[in-house]
Amino acid sequence: MRLHNPLQESPTPEEGILYCLPGCPNPERNRYLIHLAHRYNIPVCQSLGHTVTAALAIVDATITCSC
């Protein structure tokens, strides 16, 4: 998995997941980040468990077995 460089291209769902707590101290920033995530089809999760599950699904989809 490669890191996203915002100066080169838009991120893809395989490059990240946004984890935003519903009761964060700065909801305006979270709303903007969620807006951008939806614009670029980045998954948005509101719990740590869902974030880990989404991340493992991405890793599982990108790993190929050479058995």
C-alpha atoms as a PDB file:
ATOM      1  CA  MET A   1       0.000   0.000   0.000  1.00  0.00           C
ATOM      2  CA  ARG A   2       1.398   3.401  -0.929  1.00  0.00           C
ATOM      3  CA  LEU A   3       0.903   6.711   0.815  1.00  0.00           C
ATOM      4  CA  HIS A   4      -1.261   9.354  -0.809  1.00  0.00           C
ATOM      5  CA  ASN A   5       0.469  12.489  -2.089  1.00  0.00           C
ATOM      6  CA  PRO A   6      -2.223  15.218  -2.292  1.00  0.00           C
ATOM      7  CA  LEU A   7      -0.172  17.164  -4.814  1.00  0.00           C
ATOM      8  CA  GLN A   8      -0.189  14.356  -7.369  1.00  0.00           C
ATOM      9  CA  GLU A   9      -3.604  12.695  -7.496  1.00  0.00           C
ATOM     10  CA  SER A  10      -6.828  11.964  -5.692  1.00  0.00           C
ATOM     11  CA  PRO A  11      -6.803   9.197  -3.097  1.00  0.00           C
ATOM     12  CA  THR A  12      -8.519   5.897  -3.735  1.00  0.00           C
ATOM     13  CA  PRO A  13     -10.442   3.722  -1.252  1.00  0.00           C
ATOM     14  CA  GLU A  14      -7.451   1.380  -1.122  1.00  0.00           C
ATOM     15  CA  GLU A  15      -5.252   4.186   0.245  1.00  0.00           C
ATOM     16  CA  GLY A  16      -7.101   5.184   3.359  1.00  0.00           C
ATOM     17  CA  ILE A  17      -9.990   5.168   5.768  1.00  0.00           C
ATOM     18  CA  LEU A  18     -11.289   8.153   7.673  1.00  0.00           C
ATOM     19  CA  TYR A  19     -12.035   7.579  11.358  1.00  0.00           C
ATOM     20  CA  CYS A  20     -14.130  10.407  12.839  1.00  0.00           C
ATOM     21  CA  LEU A  21     -15.630  10.230  16.299  1.00  0.00           C
ATOM     22  CA  PRO A  22     -19.207  11.544  16.382  1.00  0.00           C
ATOM     23  CA  GLY A  23     -18.583  13.694  19.488  1.00  0.00           C
ATOM     24  CA  CYS A  24     -15.248  15.231  18.535  1.00  0.00           C
ATOM     25  CA  PRO A  25     -14.303  18.633  19.978  1.00  0.00           C
ATOM     26  CA  ASN A  26     -14.067  20.225  16.493  1.00  0.00           C
ATOM     27  CA  PRO A  27     -17.149  19.079  14.509  1.00  0.00           C
ATOM     28  CA  GLU A  28     -16.612  21.649  11.727  1.00  0.00           C
ATOM     29  CA  ARG A  29     -13.281  20.079  10.817  1.00  0.00           C
ATOM     30  CA  ASN A  30     -14.789  16.602  10.880  1.00  0.00           C
ATOM     31  CA  ARG A  31     -17.673  17.645   8.626  1.00  0.00           C
ATOM     32  CA  TYR A  32     -15.154  18.977   6.098  1.00  0.00           C
ATOM     33  CA  LEU A  33     -13.030  15.823   6.268  1.00  0.00           C
ATOM     34  CA  ILE A  34     -16.127  13.640   5.882  1.00  0.00           C
ATOM     35  CA  HIS A  35     -17.202  15.747   2.880  1.00  0.00           C
ATOM     36  CA  LEU A  36     -13.794  15.233   1.241  1.00  0.00           C
ATOM     37  CA  ALA A  37     -13.798  11.519   2.039  1.00  0.00           C
ATOM     38  CA  HIS A  38     -17.182  11.079   0.371  1.00  0.00           C
ATOM     39  CA  ARG A  39     -15.992  13.100  -2.617  1.00  0.00           C
ATOM     40  CA  TYR A  40     -13.070  10.704  -3.149  1.00  0.00           C
ATOM     41  CA  ASN A  41     -14.969   7.523  -2.156  1.00  0.00           C
ATOM     42  CA  ILE A  42     -12.889   7.035   0.985  1.00  0.00           C
ATOM     43  CA  PRO A  43     -14.666   4.926   3.628  1.00  0.00           C
ATOM     44  CA  VAL A  44     -15.734   6.882   6.728  1.00  0.00           C
ATOM     45  CA  CYS A  45     -16.026   5.044  10.039  1.00  0.00           C
ATOM     46  CA  GLN A  46     -17.329   6.319  13.375  1.00  0.00           C
ATOM     47  CA  SER A  47     -15.981   3.558  15.607  1.00  0.00           C
ATOM     48  CA  LEU A  48     -12.558   2.055  16.064  1.00  0.00           C
ATOM     49  CA  GLY A  49     -13.916  -1.453  15.502  1.00  0.00           C
ATOM     50  CA  HIS A  50     -15.405  -0.538  12.117  1.00  0.00           C
ATOM     51  CA  THR A  51     -12.196   1.265  11.146  1.00  0.00           C
ATOM     52  CA  VAL A  52     -10.068  -1.790  11.914  1.00  0.00           C
ATOM     53  CA  THR A  53     -12.499  -4.062  10.062  1.00  0.00           C
ATOM     54  CA  ALA A  54     -12.415  -1.789   6.988  1.00  0.00           C
ATOM     55  CA  ALA A  55      -8.609  -1.596   7.101  1.00  0.00           C
ATOM     56  CA  LEU A  56      -8.286  -5.375   7.335  1.00  0.00           C
ATOM     57  CA  ALA A  57     -10.663  -5.780   4.391  1.00  0.00           C
ATOM     58  CA  ILE A  58      -8.446  -3.483   2.294  1.00  0.00           C
ATOM     59  CA  VAL A  59      -5.306  -5.365   3.329  1.00  0.00           C
ATOM     60  CA  ASP A  60      -6.974  -8.704   2.670  1.00  0.00           C
ATOM     61  CA  ALA A  61      -8.063  -7.559  -0.797  1.00  0.00           C
ATOM     62  CA  THR A  62      -4.557  -6.369  -1.724  1.00  0.00           C
ATOM     63  CA  ILE A  63      -2.603  -9.403  -0.497  1.00  0.00           C
ATOM     64  CA  THR A  64      -2.284 -12.187  -3.001  1.00  0.00           C
ATOM     65  CA  CYS A  65      -1.288 -15.682  -2.051  1.00  0.00           C
ATOM     66  CA  SER A  66       1.639 -17.175  -3.945  1.00  0.00           C
ATOM     67  CA  CYS A  67       0.925 -20.695  -2.712  1.00  0.00           C
END
